Amino acid sequence: MMPQVIIFCEEAEDMKMFELDRRKGLIKLGMENVDDLWHLYNLLMPDDVVQARTTREIKSKGEGNRPDEGRRVSMELTIKVTDVSLDKNLNRIRIRGVVTDAPERYDGVKGSYHTLSIQPNSTIKIQKQKLADHELKRIHYACRVTEHPIIIISIDDEDVCI
């Protein structure tokens, strides 16, 4: 039997930093993988302000001022963080907070609670009171380009070599 060769190569990219303004405490990040979500989970604190694209169910008034069935609308929301949770099984972070900024055409969104679901391939803008040195260090660590391992396995009917 001819030996079979299997090559495993992890091609995960690292977190991307699109914008950084240390004086304003503003940072815009692109989540690329699950490790980036872990760093974001450890970075976010209550009272931080977070902006991201999300969907929200909007109910319109029907006959007799009763709400009709709602429809999901994609929008850019800004929330003031009250709680952050990491869902390892679904590879996402859930950021709960009060909506501070929303499109004006949707009544009742501003001031209500909303939960942002951040997954790999998402972009998020964070504004903190002050970006601490350890937070910047964590972000730079997550953004640096690293080499990913390549594992080559050769399998024969009698032997295996890694």
N, C-alpha and C. Protein backbone atom coordinates (compact mmCIF):
# COMPACT_ATOMS: atom_id res chain seq x y z
N MET A 1 0.85 -1.18 0.00
CA MET A 1 0.00 0.00 0.00
C MET A 1 0.89 1.24 0.00
N MET A 2 0.51 2.22 -0.78
CA MET A 2 1.25 3.48 -0.90
C MET A 2 1.01 4.33 0.34
N PRO A 3 2.04 4.94 0.91
CA PRO A 3 1.83 5.79 2.09
C PRO A 3 0.92 6.97 1.76
N GLN A 4 0.09 7.32 2.71
CA GLN A 4 -0.83 8.45 2.56
C GLN A 4 -0.29 9.60 3.40
N VAL A 5 -0.29 10.80 2.84
CA VAL A 5 0.22 11.97 3.55
C VAL A 5 -0.93 12.94 3.79
N ILE A 6 -1.08 13.35 5.02
CA ILE A 6 -2.13 14.31 5.40
C ILE A 6 -1.43 15.54 5.96
N ILE A 7 -1.86 16.72 5.51
CA ILE A 7 -1.27 17.98 5.98
C ILE A 7 -2.35 18.81 6.64
N PHE A 8 -2.11 19.19 7.89
CA PHE A 8 -3.01 20.07 8.61
C PHE A 8 -2.34 21.43 8.73
N CYS A 9 -3.05 22.46 8.33
CA CYS A 9 -2.49 23.81 8.43
C CYS A 9 -3.59 24.73 8.95
N GLU A 10 -3.35 25.33 10.09
CA GLU A 10 -4.31 26.25 10.66
C GLU A 10 -4.10 27.61 10.02
N GLU A 11 -5.13 28.11 9.32
CA GLU A 11 -5.00 29.38 8.61
C GLU A 11 -5.84 30.47 9.27
N ALA A 12 -5.88 30.49 10.57
CA ALA A 12 -6.64 31.51 11.27
C ALA A 12 -5.87 32.83 11.27
N GLU A 13 -6.59 33.90 11.01
CA GLU A 13 -5.97 35.23 11.05
C GLU A 13 -6.09 35.78 12.45
N ASP A 14 -5.34 36.83 12.73
CA ASP A 14 -5.37 37.45 14.04
C ASP A 14 -6.29 38.67 14.02
N MET A 15 -6.63 39.12 15.24
CA MET A 15 -7.49 40.28 15.39
C MET A 15 -6.92 41.46 14.60
N LYS A 16 -7.82 42.27 14.04
CA LYS A 16 -7.39 43.44 13.28
C LYS A 16 -7.82 44.71 14.03
N MET A 17 -6.91 45.68 14.12
CA MET A 17 -7.22 46.97 14.72
C MET A 17 -7.35 47.97 13.58
N PHE A 18 -8.55 48.53 13.41
CA PHE A 18 -8.81 49.47 12.33
C PHE A 18 -8.61 50.91 12.76
N GLU A 19 -8.84 51.18 14.03
CA GLU A 19 -8.79 52.57 14.50
C GLU A 19 -8.38 52.57 15.97
N LEU A 20 -7.56 53.53 16.37
CA LEU A 20 -7.16 53.68 17.77
C LEU A 20 -6.97 55.16 18.06
N ASP A 21 -7.72 55.68 19.02
CA ASP A 21 -7.56 57.05 19.49
C ASP A 21 -7.48 56.97 21.01
N ARG A 22 -6.27 56.97 21.51
CA ARG A 22 -6.04 56.76 22.94
C ARG A 22 -6.63 57.89 23.78
N ARG A 23 -6.58 59.14 23.28
CA ARG A 23 -7.13 60.27 24.04
C ARG A 23 -8.63 60.14 24.25
N LYS A 24 -9.35 59.68 23.23
CA LYS A 24 -10.80 59.52 23.34
C LYS A 24 -11.19 58.16 23.91
N GLY A 25 -10.22 57.25 24.03
CA GLY A 25 -10.52 55.90 24.52
C GLY A 25 -11.27 55.08 23.49
N LEU A 26 -11.07 55.38 22.21
CA LEU A 26 -11.82 54.76 21.12
C LEU A 26 -10.96 53.75 20.38
N ILE A 27 -11.53 52.59 20.13
CA ILE A 27 -10.82 51.55 19.38
C ILE A 27 -11.83 50.77 18.54
N LYS A 28 -11.46 50.49 17.28
CA LYS A 28 -12.30 49.71 16.38
C LYS A 28 -11.54 48.44 16.03
N LEU A 29 -12.18 47.29 16.30
CA LEU A 29 -11.53 45.99 16.14
C LEU A 29 -12.32 45.08 15.21
N GLY A 30 -11.60 44.22 14.50
CA GLY A 30 -12.20 43.18 13.68
C GLY A 30 -11.91 41.83 14.31
N MET A 31 -12.96 41.11 14.65
CA MET A 31 -12.81 39.78 15.25
C MET A 31 -12.61 38.75 14.14
N GLU A 32 -11.55 37.99 14.20
CA GLU A 32 -11.24 37.03 13.15
C GLU A 32 -11.45 35.57 13.58
N ASN A 33 -11.29 35.29 14.89
CA ASN A 33 -11.42 33.91 15.35
C ASN A 33 -11.88 33.88 16.80
N VAL A 34 -11.97 32.68 17.36
CA VAL A 34 -12.47 32.50 18.71
C VAL A 34 -11.51 33.11 19.74
N ASP A 35 -10.21 33.05 19.49
CA ASP A 35 -9.24 33.66 20.41
C ASP A 35 -9.48 35.16 20.54
N ASP A 36 -9.85 35.80 19.44
CA ASP A 36 -10.15 37.24 19.48
C ASP A 36 -11.35 37.52 20.38
N LEU A 37 -12.33 36.63 20.36
CA LEU A 37 -13.50 36.79 21.22
C LEU A 37 -13.10 36.71 22.70
N TRP A 38 -12.15 35.83 23.01
CA TRP A 38 -11.66 35.70 24.38
C TRP A 38 -11.00 37.02 24.83
N HIS A 39 -10.19 37.60 23.96
CA HIS A 39 -9.55 38.87 24.30
C HIS A 39 -10.60 39.97 24.48
N LEU A 40 -11.60 40.01 23.61
CA LEU A 40 -12.66 41.01 23.71
C LEU A 40 -13.45 40.83 25.01
N TYR A 41 -13.74 39.60 25.36
CA TYR A 41 -14.46 39.30 26.60
C TYR A 41 -13.72 39.87 27.81
N ASN A 42 -12.41 39.74 27.81
CA ASN A 42 -11.59 40.25 28.92
C ASN A 42 -11.36 41.76 28.84
N LEU A 43 -11.62 42.36 27.72
CA LEU A 43 -11.41 43.79 27.52
C LEU A 43 -12.63 44.62 27.93
N LEU A 44 -13.83 44.10 27.68
CA LEU A 44 -15.05 44.87 27.93
C LEU A 44 -15.42 44.89 29.41
N MET A 45 -15.84 46.07 29.86
CA MET A 45 -16.26 46.29 31.25
C MET A 45 -17.60 47.02 31.25
N PRO A 46 -18.36 46.90 32.36
CA PRO A 46 -19.59 47.69 32.46
C PRO A 46 -19.29 49.18 32.29
N ASP A 47 -20.22 49.88 31.68
CA ASP A 47 -20.15 51.32 31.36
C ASP A 47 -19.31 51.64 30.14
N ASP A 48 -18.68 50.64 29.49
CA ASP A 48 -18.06 50.88 28.19
C ASP A 48 -19.17 51.10 27.17
N VAL A 49 -18.87 51.83 26.12
CA VAL A 49 -19.84 52.07 25.06
C VAL A 49 -19.38 51.28 23.84
N VAL A 50 -20.30 50.47 23.30
CA VAL A 50 -19.98 49.57 22.19
C VAL A 50 -20.92 49.83 21.03
N GLN A 51 -20.35 49.87 19.82
CA GLN A 51 -21.16 50.06 18.61
C GLN A 51 -20.89 48.89 17.67
N ALA A 52 -21.97 48.30 17.13
CA ALA A 52 -21.84 47.17 16.20
C ALA A 52 -23.11 47.05 15.37
N ARG A 53 -23.01 46.33 14.27
CA ARG A 53 -24.15 46.04 13.43
C ARG A 53 -24.90 44.86 14.03
N THR A 54 -26.22 44.97 14.09
CA THR A 54 -27.05 43.94 14.70
C THR A 54 -28.41 43.91 14.01
N THR A 55 -29.24 42.98 14.41
CA THR A 55 -30.63 42.97 13.93
C THR A 55 -31.54 43.12 15.13
N ARG A 56 -32.66 43.76 14.90
CA ARG A 56 -33.63 43.98 15.98
C ARG A 56 -35.02 43.84 15.41
N GLU A 57 -35.91 43.25 16.20
CA GLU A 57 -37.29 43.10 15.77
C GLU A 57 -38.02 44.42 16.01
N ILE A 58 -38.62 44.94 14.94
CA ILE A 58 -39.36 46.19 15.00
C ILE A 58 -40.84 45.87 14.77
N LYS A 59 -41.67 46.33 15.69
CA LYS A 59 -43.12 46.11 15.57
C LYS A 59 -43.77 47.43 15.20
N SER A 60 -44.59 47.39 14.17
CA SER A 60 -45.30 48.60 13.77
C SER A 60 -46.72 48.56 14.33
N LYS A 61 -47.30 49.74 14.49
CA LYS A 61 -48.67 49.84 15.02
C LYS A 61 -49.66 49.43 13.93
N GLY A 62 -50.58 48.57 14.31
CA GLY A 62 -51.62 48.13 13.38
C GLY A 62 -52.93 48.83 13.70
N GLU A 63 -54.02 48.18 13.35
CA GLU A 63 -55.34 48.75 13.63
C GLU A 63 -55.58 48.78 15.14
N GLY A 64 -56.16 49.84 15.64
CA GLY A 64 -56.50 49.95 17.06
C GLY A 64 -55.28 50.05 17.96
N ASN A 65 -54.17 50.57 17.43
CA ASN A 65 -52.93 50.75 18.19
C ASN A 65 -52.34 49.46 18.75
N ARG A 66 -52.72 48.33 18.18
CA ARG A 66 -52.12 47.06 18.58
C ARG A 66 -50.93 46.79 17.66
N PRO A 67 -49.83 46.32 18.23
CA PRO A 67 -48.67 46.06 17.37
C PRO A 67 -48.91 44.88 16.43
N ASP A 68 -48.50 45.07 15.17
CA ASP A 68 -48.55 43.99 14.20
C ASP A 68 -47.37 43.06 14.46
N GLU A 69 -47.31 41.99 13.68
CA GLU A 69 -46.15 41.12 13.77
C GLU A 69 -44.91 41.91 13.38
N GLY A 70 -43.83 41.69 14.10
CA GLY A 70 -42.60 42.43 13.86
C GLY A 70 -41.80 41.87 12.70
N ARG A 71 -40.86 42.65 12.26
CA ARG A 71 -39.92 42.21 11.24
C ARG A 71 -38.52 42.54 11.71
N ARG A 72 -37.56 41.68 11.36
CA ARG A 72 -36.16 41.88 11.75
C ARG A 72 -35.53 42.90 10.83
N VAL A 73 -34.88 43.90 11.42
CA VAL A 73 -34.25 44.97 10.67
C VAL A 73 -32.78 45.03 11.08
N SER A 74 -31.91 45.12 10.08
CA SER A 74 -30.48 45.27 10.34
C SER A 74 -30.19 46.75 10.59
N MET A 75 -29.43 47.02 11.66
CA MET A 75 -29.12 48.41 11.99
C MET A 75 -27.82 48.48 12.79
N GLU A 76 -27.28 49.67 12.85
CA GLU A 76 -26.09 49.95 13.65
C GLU A 76 -26.57 50.52 14.98
N LEU A 77 -26.23 49.84 16.10
CA LEU A 77 -26.65 50.29 17.42
C LEU A 77 -25.44 50.57 18.30
N THR A 78 -25.61 51.52 19.19
CA THR A 78 -24.60 51.82 20.21
C THR A 78 -25.24 51.56 21.56
N ILE A 79 -24.56 50.76 22.40
CA ILE A 79 -25.10 50.44 23.71
C ILE A 79 -24.08 50.77 24.80
N LYS A 80 -24.59 51.04 25.99
CA LYS A 80 -23.74 51.19 27.18
C LYS A 80 -23.78 49.85 27.89
N VAL A 81 -22.63 49.21 28.01
CA VAL A 81 -22.53 47.82 28.47
C VAL A 81 -22.95 47.68 29.93
N THR A 82 -23.80 46.68 30.19
CA THR A 82 -24.16 46.31 31.56
C THR A 82 -23.66 44.90 31.89
N ASP A 83 -23.56 44.02 30.87
CA ASP A 83 -23.15 42.64 31.12
C ASP A 83 -22.50 42.05 29.87
N VAL A 84 -21.49 41.22 30.06
CA VAL A 84 -20.80 40.55 28.95
C VAL A 84 -20.70 39.06 29.30
N SER A 85 -21.08 38.21 28.34
CA SER A 85 -20.94 36.77 28.56
C SER A 85 -20.33 36.12 27.32
N LEU A 86 -19.54 35.08 27.57
CA LEU A 86 -18.88 34.34 26.51
C LEU A 86 -19.58 33.00 26.35
N ASP A 87 -20.06 32.73 25.15
CA ASP A 87 -20.73 31.46 24.84
C ASP A 87 -19.76 30.61 24.03
N LYS A 88 -19.04 29.71 24.70
CA LYS A 88 -18.01 28.90 24.05
C LYS A 88 -18.60 27.91 23.05
N ASN A 89 -19.82 27.42 23.32
CA ASN A 89 -20.43 26.43 22.44
C ASN A 89 -20.83 27.02 21.09
N LEU A 90 -21.26 28.26 21.07
CA LEU A 90 -21.70 28.90 19.83
C LEU A 90 -20.67 29.88 19.28
N ASN A 91 -19.49 29.95 19.92
CA ASN A 91 -18.41 30.83 19.47
C ASN A 91 -18.88 32.27 19.29
N ARG A 92 -19.41 32.84 20.37
CA ARG A 92 -19.86 34.23 20.31
C ARG A 92 -19.79 34.87 21.68
N ILE A 93 -19.82 36.19 21.67
CA ILE A 93 -19.91 36.97 22.89
C ILE A 93 -21.24 37.70 22.85
N ARG A 94 -21.91 37.72 23.98
CA ARG A 94 -23.17 38.45 24.09
C ARG A 94 -22.93 39.66 24.99
N ILE A 95 -23.17 40.84 24.43
CA ILE A 95 -22.94 42.10 25.15
C ILE A 95 -24.31 42.75 25.36
N ARG A 96 -24.72 42.85 26.61
CA ARG A 96 -26.03 43.40 26.94
C ARG A 96 -25.86 44.81 27.47
N GLY A 97 -26.80 45.68 27.09
CA GLY A 97 -26.75 47.05 27.58
C GLY A 97 -27.92 47.88 27.11
N VAL A 98 -27.90 49.13 27.52
CA VAL A 98 -28.95 50.09 27.17
C VAL A 98 -28.55 50.80 25.89
N VAL A 99 -29.48 50.88 24.94
CA VAL A 99 -29.21 51.53 23.66
C VAL A 99 -29.07 53.04 23.89
N THR A 100 -27.92 53.59 23.49
CA THR A 100 -27.68 55.03 23.62
C THR A 100 -27.80 55.76 22.29
N ASP A 101 -27.64 55.03 21.20
CA ASP A 101 -27.75 55.65 19.88
C ASP A 101 -28.31 54.63 18.90
N ALA A 102 -29.33 55.04 18.16
CA ALA A 102 -30.01 54.17 17.18
C ALA A 102 -30.55 55.04 16.05
N PRO A 103 -30.87 54.42 14.91
CA PRO A 103 -31.48 55.21 13.83
C PRO A 103 -32.77 55.87 14.29
N GLU A 104 -32.95 57.14 13.94
CA GLU A 104 -34.11 57.91 14.42
C GLU A 104 -35.44 57.40 13.88
N ARG A 105 -35.41 56.74 12.73
CA ARG A 105 -36.68 56.31 12.12
C ARG A 105 -37.37 55.18 12.89
N TYR A 106 -36.67 54.57 13.85
CA TYR A 106 -37.26 53.49 14.65
C TYR A 106 -37.54 54.01 16.05
N ASP A 107 -38.82 54.21 16.35
CA ASP A 107 -39.24 54.72 17.66
C ASP A 107 -39.10 53.63 18.73
N GLY A 108 -38.75 54.03 19.93
CA GLY A 108 -38.73 53.12 21.06
C GLY A 108 -37.48 52.29 21.21
N VAL A 109 -36.52 52.43 20.30
CA VAL A 109 -35.29 51.64 20.39
C VAL A 109 -34.33 52.29 21.39
N LYS A 110 -34.16 53.59 21.27
CA LYS A 110 -33.24 54.30 22.15
C LYS A 110 -33.76 54.25 23.59
N GLY A 111 -32.89 53.87 24.51
CA GLY A 111 -33.27 53.76 25.92
C GLY A 111 -33.70 52.37 26.34
N SER A 112 -33.94 51.49 25.37
CA SER A 112 -34.32 50.12 25.70
C SER A 112 -33.08 49.24 25.79
N TYR A 113 -33.25 48.02 26.30
CA TYR A 113 -32.14 47.08 26.38
C TYR A 113 -31.98 46.33 25.06
N HIS A 114 -30.75 45.97 24.75
CA HIS A 114 -30.46 45.18 23.57
C HIS A 114 -29.22 44.34 23.84
N THR A 115 -29.12 43.19 23.21
CA THR A 115 -27.96 42.33 23.33
C THR A 115 -27.30 42.18 21.97
N LEU A 116 -26.03 42.57 21.90
CA LEU A 116 -25.25 42.40 20.68
C LEU A 116 -24.61 41.03 20.71
N SER A 117 -24.67 40.33 19.61
CA SER A 117 -24.03 39.03 19.48
C SER A 117 -22.82 39.20 18.56
N ILE A 118 -21.63 39.06 19.12
CA ILE A 118 -20.39 39.26 18.36
C ILE A 118 -19.76 37.91 18.08
N GLN A 119 -19.53 37.63 16.80
CA GLN A 119 -18.94 36.36 16.37
C GLN A 119 -17.70 36.65 15.53
N PRO A 120 -16.93 35.60 15.22
CA PRO A 120 -15.81 35.84 14.30
C PRO A 120 -16.31 36.48 13.01
N ASN A 121 -15.48 37.30 12.40
CA ASN A 121 -15.79 38.08 11.20
C ASN A 121 -16.74 39.24 11.48
N SER A 122 -16.78 39.70 12.73
CA SER A 122 -17.56 40.88 13.11
C SER A 122 -16.62 42.05 13.35
N THR A 123 -17.16 43.24 13.22
CA THR A 123 -16.42 44.46 13.54
C THR A 123 -17.13 45.16 14.68
N ILE A 124 -16.34 45.68 15.63
CA ILE A 124 -16.92 46.31 16.81
C ILE A 124 -16.12 47.56 17.14
N LYS A 125 -16.83 48.61 17.57
CA LYS A 125 -16.18 49.85 17.99
C LYS A 125 -16.44 50.00 19.49
N ILE A 126 -15.36 50.24 20.24
CA ILE A 126 -15.45 50.33 21.70
C ILE A 126 -14.95 51.70 22.14
N GLN A 127 -15.69 52.32 23.06
CA GLN A 127 -15.22 53.56 23.67
C GLN A 127 -15.20 53.36 25.18
N LYS A 128 -14.01 53.54 25.75
CA LYS A 128 -13.81 53.40 27.18
C LYS A 128 -13.55 54.78 27.78
N GLN A 129 -13.76 54.89 29.09
CA GLN A 129 -13.42 56.13 29.78
C GLN A 129 -11.94 56.44 29.56
N LYS A 130 -11.11 55.41 29.73
CA LYS A 130 -9.68 55.56 29.52
C LYS A 130 -9.13 54.19 29.15
N LEU A 131 -8.32 54.15 28.09
CA LEU A 131 -7.67 52.90 27.71
C LEU A 131 -6.44 52.72 28.58
N ALA A 132 -6.45 51.67 29.41
CA ALA A 132 -5.32 51.39 30.29
C ALA A 132 -4.19 50.73 29.50
N ASP A 133 -2.99 50.82 30.04
CA ASP A 133 -1.82 50.23 29.37
C ASP A 133 -1.97 48.73 29.19
N HIS A 134 -2.50 48.05 30.21
CA HIS A 134 -2.65 46.59 30.09
C HIS A 134 -3.69 46.22 29.04
N GLU A 135 -4.70 47.06 28.83
CA GLU A 135 -5.69 46.80 27.78
C GLU A 135 -5.08 46.97 26.40
N LEU A 136 -4.29 48.02 26.22
CA LEU A 136 -3.60 48.22 24.95
C LEU A 136 -2.61 47.10 24.67
N LYS A 137 -1.94 46.64 25.71
CA LYS A 137 -0.99 45.54 25.58
C LYS A 137 -1.71 44.27 25.11
N ARG A 138 -2.90 44.01 25.69
CA ARG A 138 -3.70 42.85 25.30
C ARG A 138 -4.13 42.96 23.84
N ILE A 139 -4.56 44.14 23.42
CA ILE A 139 -5.00 44.35 22.04
C ILE A 139 -3.84 44.15 21.07
N HIS A 140 -2.70 44.73 21.37
CA HIS A 140 -1.53 44.57 20.50
C HIS A 140 -1.08 43.11 20.44
N TYR A 141 -1.17 42.40 21.55
CA TYR A 141 -0.83 40.98 21.58
C TYR A 141 -1.77 40.19 20.67
N ALA A 142 -3.07 40.51 20.74
CA ALA A 142 -4.06 39.80 19.92
C ALA A 142 -3.92 40.14 18.44
N CYS A 143 -3.43 41.34 18.13
CA CYS A 143 -3.33 41.78 16.74
C CYS A 143 -2.04 41.36 16.05
N ARG A 144 -1.05 40.98 16.81
CA ARG A 144 0.23 40.66 16.18
C ARG A 144 0.12 39.40 15.33
N VAL A 145 0.84 39.39 14.26
CA VAL A 145 0.81 38.27 13.34
C VAL A 145 1.71 37.17 13.90
N THR A 146 1.17 35.98 13.96
CA THR A 146 1.94 34.85 14.46
C THR A 146 1.96 33.76 13.40
N GLU A 147 2.98 32.94 13.46
CA GLU A 147 3.05 31.80 12.56
C GLU A 147 2.19 30.69 13.14
N HIS A 148 1.44 30.05 12.27
CA HIS A 148 0.59 28.96 12.71
C HIS A 148 1.25 27.63 12.37
N PRO A 149 1.11 26.65 13.25
CA PRO A 149 1.81 25.38 13.05
C PRO A 149 1.25 24.59 11.88
N ILE A 150 2.13 23.83 11.25
CA ILE A 150 1.74 22.90 10.20
C ILE A 150 2.13 21.51 10.68
N ILE A 151 1.19 20.59 10.64
CA ILE A 151 1.44 19.22 11.05
C ILE A 151 1.31 18.32 9.84
N ILE A 152 2.33 17.52 9.57
CA ILE A 152 2.30 16.59 8.45
C ILE A 152 2.30 15.18 9.02
N ILE A 153 1.33 14.39 8.59
CA ILE A 153 1.21 13.01 9.06
C ILE A 153 1.32 12.09 7.85
N SER A 154 2.23 11.13 7.94
CA SER A 154 2.39 10.13 6.89
C SER A 154 1.89 8.79 7.44
N ILE A 155 0.91 8.20 6.76
CA ILE A 155 0.29 6.98 7.23
C ILE A 155 0.54 5.86 6.24
N ASP A 156 1.04 4.76 6.74
CA ASP A 156 1.29 3.56 5.93
C ASP A 156 0.44 2.45 6.56
N ASP A 157 0.39 1.27 5.92
CA ASP A 157 -0.39 0.19 6.49
C ASP A 157 0.25 -0.39 7.75
N GLU A 158 1.52 -0.09 8.01
CA GLU A 158 2.20 -0.61 9.18
C GLU A 158 2.70 0.48 10.13
N ASP A 159 2.82 1.70 9.65
CA ASP A 159 3.50 2.72 10.45
C ASP A 159 2.86 4.09 10.25
N VAL A 160 3.04 4.95 11.23
CA VAL A 160 2.57 6.33 11.18
C VAL A 160 3.73 7.23 11.57
N CYS A 161 3.89 8.34 10.86
CA CYS A 161 4.96 9.27 11.19
C CYS A 161 4.36 10.68 11.22
N ILE A 162 4.65 11.41 12.31
CA ILE A 162 4.16 12.79 12.44
C ILE A 162 5.34 13.74 12.35
